[in-house]
Protein backbone atom coordinates (compact mmCIF):
# COMPACT_ATOMS: atom_id res chain seq x y z
CA MET A 1 8.41 10.15 74.59
CA ALA A 2 8.18 7.60 71.82
CA VAL A 3 8.30 8.35 68.31
CA THR A 4 4.89 8.73 66.32
CA LYS A 5 4.25 7.67 63.25
CA VAL A 6 1.71 9.21 61.01
CA VAL A 7 0.31 8.50 57.67
CA VAL A 8 -2.02 10.87 55.62
CA ASP A 9 -3.74 9.06 52.67
CA PRO A 10 -4.54 10.61 50.56
CA ILE A 11 -4.07 14.21 50.98
CA THR A 12 -7.36 15.85 49.91
CA ARG A 13 -8.22 19.30 48.32
CA ILE A 14 -5.45 18.42 45.61
CA GLU A 15 -5.38 16.96 42.19
CA GLY A 16 -4.37 13.49 42.14
CA HIS A 17 -3.17 10.95 44.78
CA LEU A 18 -0.66 12.16 47.35
CA ARG A 19 0.58 10.13 50.55
CA ILE A 20 2.21 11.89 53.14
CA GLU A 21 4.07 9.98 56.08
CA VAL A 22 5.96 11.54 58.66
CA GLN A 23 7.51 10.76 62.09
CA ALA A 24 7.10 13.22 64.65
CA ASP A 25 8.66 13.41 68.39
CA GLN A 26 7.25 16.08 71.16
CA GLY A 27 5.08 17.99 68.59
CA ARG A 28 7.61 18.22 65.95
CA ILE A 29 8.34 16.64 62.70
CA THR A 30 11.42 15.09 62.62
CA ASP A 31 11.44 13.20 59.14
CA SER A 32 8.86 12.73 56.27
CA TRP A 33 8.27 10.86 53.08
CA ALA A 34 5.96 12.18 50.06
CA SER A 35 4.83 9.29 47.83
CA SER A 36 2.53 9.69 44.76
CA THR A 37 0.98 6.44 44.46
CA GLN A 38 -0.62 7.04 40.84
CA PHE A 39 0.92 6.12 37.62
CA ARG A 40 0.27 7.32 34.04
CA GLY A 41 1.98 6.86 30.54
CA ILE A 42 1.10 9.73 28.59
CA GLU A 43 4.77 10.35 27.53
CA LEU A 44 4.77 6.52 26.20
CA VAL A 45 1.56 7.52 24.39
CA MET A 46 3.31 10.20 22.43
CA GLU A 47 5.68 7.99 20.76
CA GLY A 48 5.17 7.39 17.12
CA ARG A 49 2.65 10.33 16.93
CA ASP A 50 2.43 13.60 14.72
CA PRO A 51 4.08 16.23 16.76
CA ARG A 52 1.63 18.90 15.60
CA ASP A 53 -1.09 16.59 17.52
CA ALA A 54 1.09 16.22 20.76
CA TRP A 55 -0.47 19.41 22.45
CA ALA A 56 -3.94 17.73 22.60
CA PHE A 57 -2.66 14.38 23.94
CA THR A 58 -0.44 16.31 27.00
CA GLN A 59 -3.51 18.42 27.53
CA ARG A 60 -5.09 15.31 28.76
CA ILE A 61 -2.34 14.79 31.59
CA CYS A 62 -4.43 16.75 34.00
CA GLY A 63 -7.96 18.03 34.11
CA VAL A 64 -6.68 20.96 35.76
CA CYS A 65 -3.22 22.18 34.19
CA THR A 66 -4.87 21.65 30.60
CA VAL A 67 -3.71 25.10 29.19
CA VAL A 68 -0.20 24.76 30.55
CA HIS A 69 0.79 21.51 29.04
CA ALA A 70 -0.92 22.56 25.75
CA VAL A 71 1.06 25.70 25.65
CA ALA A 72 4.17 23.98 26.86
CA SER A 73 3.96 21.24 23.92
CA CYS A 74 3.11 23.59 21.51
CA ARG A 75 6.51 25.63 22.37
CA ALA A 76 8.57 22.34 22.24
CA VAL A 77 7.31 21.41 18.95
CA GLU A 78 7.77 25.10 17.62
CA ASP A 79 11.33 25.22 19.11
CA ALA A 80 12.20 21.74 17.62
CA LEU A 81 11.18 22.76 14.19
CA GLY A 82 12.17 26.37 14.17
CA ILE A 83 8.69 27.93 13.94
CA THR A 84 7.90 31.44 15.17
CA ILE A 85 4.38 32.27 16.17
CA PRO A 86 2.71 35.78 15.18
CA PRO A 87 2.41 38.40 17.89
CA ASN A 88 -1.26 37.94 18.13
CA ALA A 89 -1.16 34.40 18.95
CA ASN A 90 1.35 35.35 21.52
CA LEU A 91 -0.92 37.97 23.31
CA ILE A 92 -4.03 35.32 23.02
CA ARG A 93 -2.06 32.66 24.68
CA ASN A 94 -0.91 35.04 27.41
CA LEU A 95 -4.55 36.13 28.19
CA ILE A 96 -5.73 32.37 28.08
CA HIS A 97 -2.56 31.25 30.56
CA GLY A 98 -3.16 34.48 32.63
CA MET A 99 -6.61 33.78 33.18
CA GLN A 100 -5.88 30.06 33.97
CA PHE A 101 -3.37 31.53 36.52
CA ILE A 102 -5.76 34.00 38.05
CA GLN A 103 -8.62 31.44 38.50
CA ASP A 104 -6.43 28.56 39.60
CA HIS A 105 -4.83 30.63 42.01
CA VAL A 106 -8.23 31.83 43.33
CA ILE A 107 -9.78 28.27 43.52
CA HIS A 108 -6.58 27.20 45.52
CA PHE A 109 -6.95 30.22 48.10
CA TYR A 110 -10.54 29.66 48.81
CA HIS A 111 -11.18 25.83 47.93
CA LEU A 112 -8.13 24.31 48.49
CA HIS A 113 -5.75 26.18 51.15
CA ALA A 114 -8.22 28.55 53.25
CA LEU A 115 -9.87 25.66 55.17
CA ASP A 116 -6.49 24.98 56.53
CA TRP A 117 -6.62 28.22 58.18
CA VAL A 118 -10.38 29.13 58.27
CA ASP A 119 -12.49 27.24 60.77
CA VAL A 120 -15.98 26.87 59.10
CA VAL A 121 -17.86 25.77 62.02
CA SER A 122 -16.52 28.75 64.07
CA ALA A 123 -18.29 31.31 61.83
CA LEU A 124 -21.69 30.05 63.31
CA LYS A 125 -20.82 32.18 66.33
CA ALA A 126 -19.99 35.06 64.45
CA ASP A 127 -21.78 38.57 65.13
CA PRO A 128 -22.90 39.48 61.09
CA GLU A 129 -22.65 42.98 61.67
CA GLY A 130 -18.96 42.71 63.35
CA THR A 131 -18.18 40.61 59.79
CA ALA A 132 -19.50 43.52 57.92
CA ARG A 133 -17.45 46.05 60.00
CA ILE A 134 -14.43 44.17 59.31
CA ALA A 135 -14.86 43.88 55.73
CA ARG A 136 -15.87 47.31 55.02
CA GLN A 137 -12.41 48.22 56.72
CA VAL A 138 -10.35 46.34 54.17
CA SER A 139 -12.58 46.31 50.94
CA PRO A 140 -15.21 48.32 48.96
CA TRP A 141 -16.87 45.07 47.85
CA PRO A 142 -20.34 45.42 47.57
CA ASN A 143 -21.57 42.41 49.41
CA ASN A 144 -20.08 43.85 52.78
CA SER A 145 -23.14 44.20 54.43
CA ALA A 146 -24.43 42.70 57.60
CA THR A 147 -27.51 41.37 55.98
CA TYR A 148 -25.37 39.38 53.42
CA PHE A 149 -23.35 37.78 56.05
CA ALA A 150 -26.39 36.91 58.09
CA GLU A 151 -27.80 35.12 55.04
CA VAL A 152 -24.45 33.16 54.44
CA GLN A 153 -24.39 32.14 58.34
CA ALA A 154 -28.20 30.81 57.83
CA ARG A 155 -27.23 28.85 54.86
CA LEU A 156 -24.15 27.38 57.27
CA LYS A 157 -26.80 26.74 60.20
CA LYS A 158 -28.76 24.84 57.72
CA PHE A 159 -26.07 22.46 56.68
CA VAL A 160 -25.02 21.49 60.12
CA SER A 161 -28.59 21.33 61.45
CA GLY A 162 -29.09 18.80 58.76
CA GLY A 163 -26.51 16.66 60.39
CA GLN A 164 -24.08 17.50 57.60
CA LEU A 165 -21.58 20.01 56.55
CA GLY A 166 -22.14 19.34 52.73
CA ILE A 167 -18.89 20.76 50.86
CA PHE A 168 -17.49 21.55 54.13
CA ALA A 169 -17.42 18.13 55.76
CA ASN A 170 -14.38 16.22 57.00
CA GLY A 171 -12.32 19.31 58.27
CA TYR A 172 -10.51 19.29 61.65
CA TRP A 173 -13.02 22.08 62.93
CA GLY A 174 -12.02 23.21 66.57
CA HIS A 175 -8.33 22.26 66.14
CA PRO A 176 -6.46 24.27 68.52
CA ALA A 177 -4.15 25.58 65.62
CA TYR A 178 -7.05 27.64 64.25
CA LYS A 179 -6.67 31.22 65.25
CA LEU A 180 -9.11 33.32 63.24
CA PRO A 181 -11.92 35.10 65.20
CA PRO A 182 -15.61 33.78 64.41
CA GLU A 183 -16.27 37.09 62.41
CA VAL A 184 -13.17 36.77 60.14
CA ASN A 185 -14.16 33.17 59.61
CA LEU A 186 -17.63 34.06 58.45
CA LEU A 187 -15.96 36.52 56.20
CA ALA A 188 -13.70 33.85 54.52
CA VAL A 189 -16.92 31.42 54.33
CA ALA A 190 -18.80 33.98 52.40
CA HIS A 191 -15.97 34.44 49.86
CA TYR A 192 -15.59 30.77 49.57
CA LEU A 193 -19.21 30.60 48.16
CA GLU A 194 -18.91 33.70 46.24
CA ALA A 195 -15.72 32.33 44.56
CA LEU A 196 -17.40 29.32 43.36
CA ASP A 197 -19.61 31.27 40.91
CA TRP A 198 -16.93 33.80 40.22
CA GLN A 199 -14.25 31.23 38.90
CA ARG A 200 -16.86 29.72 36.80
CA ASP A 201 -17.52 32.84 35.05
CA VAL A 202 -14.54 34.31 34.36
CA ILE A 203 -12.94 31.09 32.74
CA ARG A 204 -15.52 31.42 29.84
CA LEU A 205 -12.37 33.63 28.31
CA HIS A 206 -11.02 30.14 27.28
CA THR A 207 -14.19 29.06 25.34
CA ILE A 208 -13.80 32.50 23.40
CA PHE A 209 -10.48 32.05 22.48
CA GLY A 210 -10.14 28.22 22.68
CA GLY A 211 -13.92 27.30 21.86
CA LYS A 212 -14.28 25.06 24.87
CA ASN A 213 -12.97 24.59 28.66
CA PRO A 214 -11.39 22.74 30.29
CA HIS A 215 -9.57 21.81 26.85
CA PRO A 216 -9.31 24.86 24.74
CA ASN A 217 -7.89 24.46 21.25
CA PHE A 218 -4.49 25.54 20.21
CA LEU A 219 -2.35 25.28 17.37
CA VAL A 220 1.47 24.53 16.72
CA GLY A 221 2.35 27.82 14.82
CA GLY A 222 0.22 30.16 16.54
CA MET A 223 -3.61 29.80 17.64
CA ALA A 224 -6.71 28.47 16.03
CA SER A 225 -8.49 31.73 17.13
CA ALA A 226 -9.62 33.75 13.62
CA ILE A 227 -10.04 37.10 14.16
CA ASN A 228 -12.87 38.81 11.88
CA LEU A 229 -14.72 41.91 13.51
CA ASN A 230 -17.68 41.37 11.01
CA ASP A 231 -17.91 37.88 11.09
CA THR A 232 -20.24 36.31 13.73
CA ALA A 233 -18.25 32.84 13.82
CA THR A 234 -14.81 34.28 14.81
CA ILE A 235 -13.43 36.59 17.37
CA ASN A 236 -15.46 39.79 16.57
CA ALA A 237 -16.21 43.06 18.32
CA GLU A 238 -18.90 41.48 20.48
CA ARG A 239 -16.40 38.86 21.64
CA LEU A 240 -13.58 41.35 22.34
CA THR A 241 -16.03 43.16 24.26
CA ASP A 242 -16.95 40.04 26.35
CA ILE A 243 -13.27 39.23 27.00
CA ARG A 244 -12.73 42.82 28.40
CA ASP A 245 -15.53 42.45 30.74
CA LEU A 246 -14.24 39.26 31.99
CA ILE A 247 -10.65 40.63 32.64
CA THR A 248 -12.41 43.60 34.42
CA LYS A 249 -14.57 41.12 36.71
CA ALA A 250 -11.32 39.21 37.21
CA GLN A 251 -9.65 41.89 38.49
CA ARG A 252 -12.21 43.51 40.61
CA PHE A 253 -12.55 40.38 42.60
CA VAL A 254 -8.94 40.02 42.92
CA GLU A 255 -8.25 43.40 44.35
CA GLN A 256 -11.53 43.73 46.36
CA VAL A 257 -11.90 40.09 47.71
CA TYR A 258 -9.12 37.78 47.57
CA TRP A 259 -6.01 40.12 48.14
CA PRO A 260 -7.60 41.86 51.28
CA ASP A 261 -8.55 38.40 52.27
CA LEU A 262 -4.99 36.90 52.06
CA LEU A 263 -3.49 39.87 53.87
CA ALA A 264 -6.00 39.79 56.68
CA ILE A 265 -5.88 36.13 57.44
CA ALA A 266 -2.02 35.90 57.02
CA GLY A 267 -1.90 38.42 59.85
CA PHE A 268 -3.07 36.06 62.28
CA TYR A 269 -0.58 33.53 61.30
CA LYS A 270 2.31 35.26 61.33
CA GLU A 271 4.37 32.38 63.13
CA TRP A 272 4.29 30.33 59.88
CA GLY A 273 6.74 32.69 58.61
CA ALA A 274 9.07 30.69 60.28
CA ILE A 275 7.88 27.15 59.45
CA GLY A 276 8.00 25.02 56.39
CA GLY A 277 10.79 26.70 54.31
CA GLY A 278 12.69 23.63 53.13
CA VAL A 279 14.68 23.39 50.32
CA PRO A 280 16.57 26.58 49.89
CA ASN A 281 17.10 26.48 46.05
CA PHE A 282 14.49 28.13 43.50
CA LEU A 283 13.96 27.71 39.90
CA SER A 284 11.67 29.76 37.48
CA TYR A 285 11.72 29.25 33.93
CA GLY A 286 10.20 32.78 33.41
CA GLU A 287 6.57 33.35 31.88
CA PHE A 288 4.50 35.50 29.83
CA PRO A 289 6.35 36.54 26.62
CA GLU A 290 5.84 40.16 25.52
CA GLY A 291 7.94 39.66 22.60
CA ASP A 292 9.54 36.70 20.90
CA ILE A 293 9.55 33.64 23.21
CA THR A 294 13.52 33.44 23.02
CA ASP A 295 13.95 37.00 24.03
CA LEU A 296 14.41 36.32 27.88
CA ASN A 297 14.70 40.06 28.74
CA ARG A 298 10.73 40.27 27.80
CA LEU A 299 9.37 37.72 30.09
CA TYR A 300 6.88 39.44 32.44
CA PHE A 301 8.26 36.91 35.30
CA PRO A 302 11.59 36.52 34.69
CA ARG A 303 13.71 33.13 34.34
CA GLY A 304 16.38 32.35 36.75
CA ILE A 305 18.02 30.12 39.44
CA ILE A 306 18.60 31.05 43.08
CA LEU A 307 20.80 28.76 45.47
CA ASN A 308 21.03 28.81 48.93
CA ARG A 309 18.27 31.56 49.51
CA ASP A 310 20.97 34.18 48.07
CA LEU A 311 19.00 37.05 46.72
CA SER A 312 22.10 38.82 45.73
CA ARG A 313 22.55 36.76 42.71
CA VAL A 314 20.12 35.38 40.12
CA GLN A 315 22.13 32.92 38.11
CA ALA A 316 21.18 31.81 34.46
CA PHE A 317 19.35 28.80 33.68
CA ASP A 318 21.08 26.03 31.71
CA PRO A 319 18.59 23.56 30.07
CA ALA A 320 21.56 21.01 30.13
CA LEU A 321 21.92 20.79 33.62
CA VAL A 322 18.50 19.11 34.34
CA GLN A 323 18.56 15.37 35.09
CA GLU A 324 16.10 13.04 36.75
CA TYR A 325 16.77 10.21 39.15
CA ILE A 326 14.63 7.40 40.04
CA ASN A 327 16.44 5.41 42.80
CA SER A 328 13.53 6.02 45.23
CA SER A 329 11.09 5.61 42.35
CA TRP A 330 9.44 2.74 41.10
CA TYR A 331 10.93 2.97 37.62
CA GLU A 332 14.10 1.48 36.02
CA TYR A 333 16.99 2.82 33.75
CA ALA A 334 19.11 0.79 31.61
CA ALA A 335 21.83 2.55 33.09
CA GLY A 336 20.84 1.52 36.48
CA ASP A 337 18.87 3.33 39.54
CA THR A 338 21.54 5.66 40.23
CA ALA A 339 22.03 7.14 36.95
CA GLY A 340 20.83 10.75 36.39
CA LEU A 341 19.05 11.52 32.87
CA HIS A 342 18.61 14.58 30.86
CA PRO A 343 15.11 14.74 29.68
CA TRP A 344 16.13 14.37 26.02
CA GLU A 345 17.67 10.85 27.17
CA GLY A 346 14.81 10.15 29.60
CA GLU A 347 13.13 6.78 30.16
CA THR A 348 9.48 6.13 31.33
CA ARG A 349 9.99 2.44 32.18
CA ALA A 350 7.65 1.58 35.36
CA LYS A 351 8.83 -1.13 37.37
CA TYR A 352 6.52 -1.34 40.95
CA SER A 353 8.58 -2.86 43.66
CA GLY A 354 6.68 -1.95 46.46
CA PRO A 355 4.73 -3.97 49.24
CA PRO A 356 1.01 -5.08 48.07
CA THR A 357 -1.47 -2.83 48.56
CA PRO A 358 -3.03 -1.36 50.80
CA TRP A 359 0.29 -0.25 52.30
CA GLU A 360 0.77 0.20 56.06
CA TYR A 361 4.12 2.22 55.51
CA LEU A 362 6.12 2.98 52.78
CA GLN A 363 8.97 4.47 54.89
CA GLY A 364 11.84 2.55 55.05
CA GLU A 365 11.32 1.06 51.37
CA SER A 366 14.27 2.00 49.03
CA LYS A 367 11.46 3.06 46.40
CA TYR A 368 8.30 4.37 47.57
CA THR A 369 6.98 6.82 44.94
CA TRP A 370 5.87 7.11 41.23
CA MET A 371 7.54 10.46 41.28
CA LYS A 372 10.94 10.91 39.83
CA ALA A 373 13.57 13.08 41.22
CA PRO A 374 14.58 16.13 38.93
CA ARG A 375 17.61 17.90 40.19
CA TYR A 376 19.53 21.00 38.58
CA ASP A 377 23.28 20.78 38.45
CA GLY A 378 22.56 18.23 41.35
CA HIS A 379 20.22 20.62 43.41
CA PRO A 380 16.78 19.94 44.59
CA MET A 381 14.76 22.99 43.57
CA GLN A 382 11.37 24.52 44.63
CA VAL A 383 9.44 25.73 41.66
CA GLY A 384 6.17 27.83 41.76
CA PRO A 385 4.64 31.05 42.88
CA LEU A 386 7.51 31.83 45.43
CA ALA A 387 10.27 30.85 43.13
CA ARG A 388 8.99 33.21 40.50
CA MET A 389 8.46 35.94 42.79
CA LEU A 390 11.97 35.43 44.46
CA VAL A 391 13.64 35.55 41.14
CA GLY A 392 11.85 38.59 40.19
CA PHE A 393 12.58 40.21 43.42
CA ALA A 394 16.24 39.48 43.35
CA SER A 395 16.42 40.50 39.23
CA GLY A 396 15.00 43.85 40.21
CA HIS A 397 11.42 43.81 39.03
CA GLN A 398 10.17 46.76 40.44
CA GLU A 399 6.34 45.73 40.56
CA ILE A 400 7.29 42.52 42.48
CA GLN A 401 9.94 44.40 44.80
CA GLY A 402 7.02 46.83 45.39
CA LEU A 403 4.17 44.26 46.51
CA VAL A 404 7.02 42.14 48.61
CA LYS A 405 7.58 45.36 50.53
CA GLU A 406 3.88 46.04 50.98
CA VAL A 407 3.12 42.55 52.10
CA LEU A 408 6.03 42.79 54.68
CA ASP A 409 5.15 45.88 55.75
CA ARG A 410 1.29 45.23 55.92
CA LEU A 411 2.42 42.11 58.32
CA GLN A 412 5.07 44.02 60.27
CA VAL A 413 7.64 41.18 59.65
CA GLY A 414 11.07 40.79 57.87
CA PRO A 415 12.22 39.43 54.49
CA ALA A 416 13.03 35.93 56.14
CA VAL A 417 9.19 35.06 56.28
CA LEU A 418 9.54 34.88 52.32
CA PHE A 419 11.07 31.21 52.84
CA SER A 420 7.97 29.50 54.36
CA THR A 421 4.56 27.98 54.06
CA LEU A 422 3.24 31.61 54.57
CA GLY A 423 5.95 32.98 52.17
CA ARG A 424 4.41 30.38 49.21
CA THR A 425 1.06 31.20 50.02
CA ALA A 426 1.56 35.40 49.90
CA ALA A 427 3.52 34.93 46.72
CA ARG A 428 0.87 33.21 44.98
CA GLY A 429 -1.48 36.26 46.11
CA ILE A 430 1.26 38.72 44.89
CA GLU A 431 1.39 37.06 41.52
CA THR A 432 -2.29 36.74 41.09
CA LEU A 433 -2.60 40.57 41.59
CA MET A 434 0.22 41.33 39.06
CA LEU A 435 -1.72 39.20 36.33
CA ALA A 436 -5.21 40.58 37.11
CA ARG A 437 -3.87 44.18 36.46
CA ARG A 438 -1.41 42.91 33.40
CA MET A 439 -4.34 41.30 31.65
CA ASN A 440 -5.57 44.63 30.29
CA THR A 441 -2.21 45.35 28.91
CA TRP A 442 -2.12 42.40 26.99
CA TYR A 443 -5.86 42.79 25.93
CA GLY A 444 -5.08 46.52 25.15
CA GLN A 445 -2.32 45.40 22.54
CA LEU A 446 -4.35 42.79 20.90
CA VAL A 447 -7.21 45.51 20.28
CA ASP A 448 -4.76 47.92 19.17
CA ARG A 449 -3.02 45.39 16.33
CA ILE A 450 -6.57 44.36 15.38
CA LYS A 451 -7.58 48.03 14.74
CA SER A 452 -4.39 48.19 12.81
CA GLY A 453 -5.17 45.55 10.45
CA ASP A 454 -3.28 42.66 11.79
CA THR A 455 -5.63 39.72 12.19
CA GLN A 456 -2.97 36.75 11.69
CA THR A 457 -2.94 34.33 14.47
CA PHE A 458 -1.15 31.17 12.80
CA ASN A 459 2.36 30.90 10.89
CA GLY A 460 1.77 28.09 8.73
CA ALA A 461 5.17 28.30 6.85
CA LYS A 462 6.29 25.19 8.24
CA TRP A 463 2.98 23.23 8.64
CA ASP A 464 4.13 20.81 6.04
CA PRO A 465 6.39 18.07 7.28
CA LYS A 466 8.55 18.56 4.05
CA THR A 467 9.69 21.85 5.23
CA TRP A 468 10.91 20.16 8.69
CA PRO A 469 14.42 19.71 9.44
CA ALA A 470 16.25 16.44 7.98
CA GLY A 471 17.49 13.83 10.51
CA GLU A 472 16.40 14.19 14.06
CA ALA A 473 14.89 17.58 15.50
CA LYS A 474 14.48 18.13 19.06
CA GLY A 475 13.20 20.92 21.18
CA PHE A 476 12.04 21.99 24.66
CA GLY A 477 9.12 24.03 25.75
CA PHE A 478 9.53 25.85 28.95
CA LEU A 479 6.53 27.50 30.68
CA ASP A 480 6.05 28.66 34.10
CA ALA A 481 2.57 27.25 35.05
CA PRO A 482 0.53 28.31 38.33
CA ARG A 483 2.30 25.28 40.06
CA GLY A 484 5.79 26.27 38.85
CA ALA A 485 8.48 25.20 36.22
CA LEU A 486 6.91 23.21 33.55
CA GLY A 487 9.15 21.61 30.65
CA HIS A 488 8.37 19.54 27.60
CA TRP A 489 11.28 17.86 25.78
CA VAL A 490 10.73 16.33 22.38
CA LYS A 491 12.59 14.56 19.62
CA ILE A 492 11.32 14.30 15.84
CA ARG A 493 12.36 12.25 13.37
CA ASP A 494 10.89 11.40 10.12
CA GLY A 495 7.72 13.38 10.88
CA LYS A 496 7.16 11.43 14.13
CA ILE A 497 7.72 11.79 17.79
CA THR A 498 10.54 9.52 18.88
CA LYS A 499 10.99 10.69 22.46
CA TYR A 500 8.81 12.80 24.74
CA GLN A 501 9.47 13.82 28.35
CA CYS A 502 7.34 16.06 30.72
CA VAL A 503 9.21 17.39 34.04
CA VAL A 504 6.36 19.32 35.64
CA PRO A 505 6.15 21.65 38.97
CA SER A 506 4.96 18.74 41.20
CA THR A 507 7.84 16.50 40.25
CA TRP A 508 10.11 19.01 41.12
CA ASN A 509 8.26 20.06 44.21
CA CYS A 510 7.12 16.23 45.09
CA SER A 511 10.59 14.65 44.13
CA PRO A 512 11.80 11.80 46.57
CA ARG A 513 15.35 11.49 47.86
CA ASP A 514 17.96 11.23 45.30
CA PRO A 515 21.18 9.13 45.33
CA LYS A 516 22.91 11.76 47.63
CA GLY A 517 19.86 11.37 50.13
CA GLN A 518 18.68 14.76 49.45
CA MET A 519 14.78 15.44 50.22
CA GLY A 520 12.53 16.87 47.80
CA PRO A 521 10.90 20.33 48.65
CA TYR A 522 7.73 18.53 50.19
CA GLU A 523 9.85 16.27 52.33
CA ALA A 524 12.35 18.87 53.31
CA ALA A 525 9.49 21.53 54.00
CA LEU A 526 7.85 19.00 56.74
CA VAL A 527 11.03 18.89 58.72
CA ASP A 528 11.72 22.56 58.77
CA ASN A 529 10.85 23.68 62.40
CA HIS A 530 7.52 21.96 61.54
CA PRO A 531 4.99 21.80 64.36
CA LEU A 532 2.32 18.60 64.54
CA VAL A 533 -0.10 19.41 67.70
CA ARG A 534 -2.53 16.68 67.23
CA PRO A 535 -1.18 13.50 65.50
CA ASP A 536 -4.69 12.28 64.63
CA GLN A 537 -5.62 15.77 63.10
CA PRO A 538 -2.45 16.41 61.12
CA LEU A 539 -3.94 20.02 60.15
CA GLU A 540 -0.31 21.62 60.06
CA ILE A 541 0.80 18.90 57.34
CA LEU A 542 -2.05 19.88 55.05
CA ARG A 543 -0.87 23.66 55.68
CA THR A 544 2.37 23.21 54.10
CA ILE A 545 1.49 20.58 51.77
CA HIS A 546 -1.14 22.78 50.43
CA SER A 547 0.99 25.74 50.45
CA PHE A 548 2.79 24.21 47.16
CA ASP A 549 -0.86 23.21 45.58
CA PRO A 550 -0.01 19.81 44.46
CA CYS A 551 -0.87 18.63 41.04
CA MET A 552 0.06 14.73 41.21
CA ALA A 553 -1.92 13.85 38.06
CA CYS A 554 0.76 16.06 36.40
CA GLY A 555 3.73 14.56 38.03
CA VAL A 556 3.28 11.03 37.40
CA HIS A 557 1.34 11.39 34.19
CA VAL A 558 -3.39 4.10 35.08
CA LEU A 559 -4.36 4.01 38.72
CA ASP A 560 -4.04 1.16 40.94
CA ALA A 561 -7.53 0.73 41.84
CA THR A 562 -6.77 -2.08 44.35
CA GLY A 563 -6.74 0.57 47.08
CA ASN A 564 -9.97 2.09 47.23
CA LEU A 565 -10.13 4.01 50.55
CA VAL A 566 -11.27 7.28 50.56
CA THR A 567 -9.08 8.69 53.47
CA GLU A 568 -6.87 7.61 56.12
CA VAL A 569 -5.05 8.98 58.91
CA LYS A 570 -2.74 6.46 60.72
CA VAL A 571 -1.05 7.16 63.94
CA GLN A 572 1.21 4.72 65.59
């Protein structure tokens, strides 16, 4: 049988522009290329600016990942200048970041990834009473009634009878890879719609602490969240009550809707526990400091490195071992294409050398993406929820170990499924559940501190540039974002930024081939026991790529507008 070439351009239901090219033979993918065809120059924009303003610029790298870039930037500048933020500020950052995680993961599951597993059109055939019966078996959610599911089904029928599926258009409905019964499909569609309203509401926590959303206000040295229980213009008793209610609402939805849905759907797709594992190395920066940011023993999610899927050993992370390569990327280094540069020495010098747009194929091109290729001690690394949960599991984190065991027991599978497309999706659910519960702890600690009379949210001791280190100051801001390990690296001299580099989760995961020929995680996952039943409907490619939750805008940080095609699947 002849080798089939498939191009999916762009991958939809992600942030940014991603192109996937694969070769398939006899229903299996044999080779793959991941290309980000969008370029930004935020890192160049930062040079010469006041480092206290950096967070406001880096926040604009992406319209989704605003909070994480702001916090990482603040941490980088604070590290360079030797600033310690007050405990209240750290708790507020944890609460803002934690709600970003929860909202982001729920949106990803229902609105970006679930439709890879849920056949929306099949829900038209469902018996609403049967759906209600299934729902009541797994959750006490109040909307688990036949009447409610019948109403949702009627709305869906109206879409279809009108000749279009609206928000559910352009799916591969009826694909043989879909396995859910109609009743479960209807359940998922109903919760898809509920999640739209839920996510819009809970994220109001950002506007309370940060003044607005999607770009809340932050501050080098702490937070711009003044606390005065008796002042209507600050964080007062009424606003603290609102925050408590939003946390409660988030936890209830995660526990009674998202978590049961995830486990129920996963039970029908257990074979995906042996598909799409790819790169066997995992990196977690750790996240949610419950003490000083430098106290690695008090990170809620631990920091560490796992190599070759060896869960018996968690290696310490060494920042000096990070390098970025460009031999497959549309950039140039002064030292040449095969050089690896540490982020403090990093260069963002764009040099497009590919074919004229629109491209037919990028495979075979020596350079085929705007993504650089980060490596840790020469290894490609997988980052994200799975990396965090594996590092936590191997580190002896009891909560993570308990929930991983619960998932494996519920699905009646062995630990090997962790290293897979299904494993990435399950790991995201585990940490969402953990954070939905942990938010109450951070909120309680903040309230207790306020009650004790501590309302400080800002340390201004080193706000004046005259207090900054003489000569060059450099720092890094490590943060584990919803999509994985995020690093901001900064150099400061004479009160201005002289160098700024971001190494983001989707750069790690979508990295191209390096000088050794090693694939990045996207590419490697697609050739790891990976099926492709219908090349003209590449549903399986979407399942694995979406399991990483790509954010290409973050990865390549000005768009080539000559190629304005909305979507294309090319098969040869």
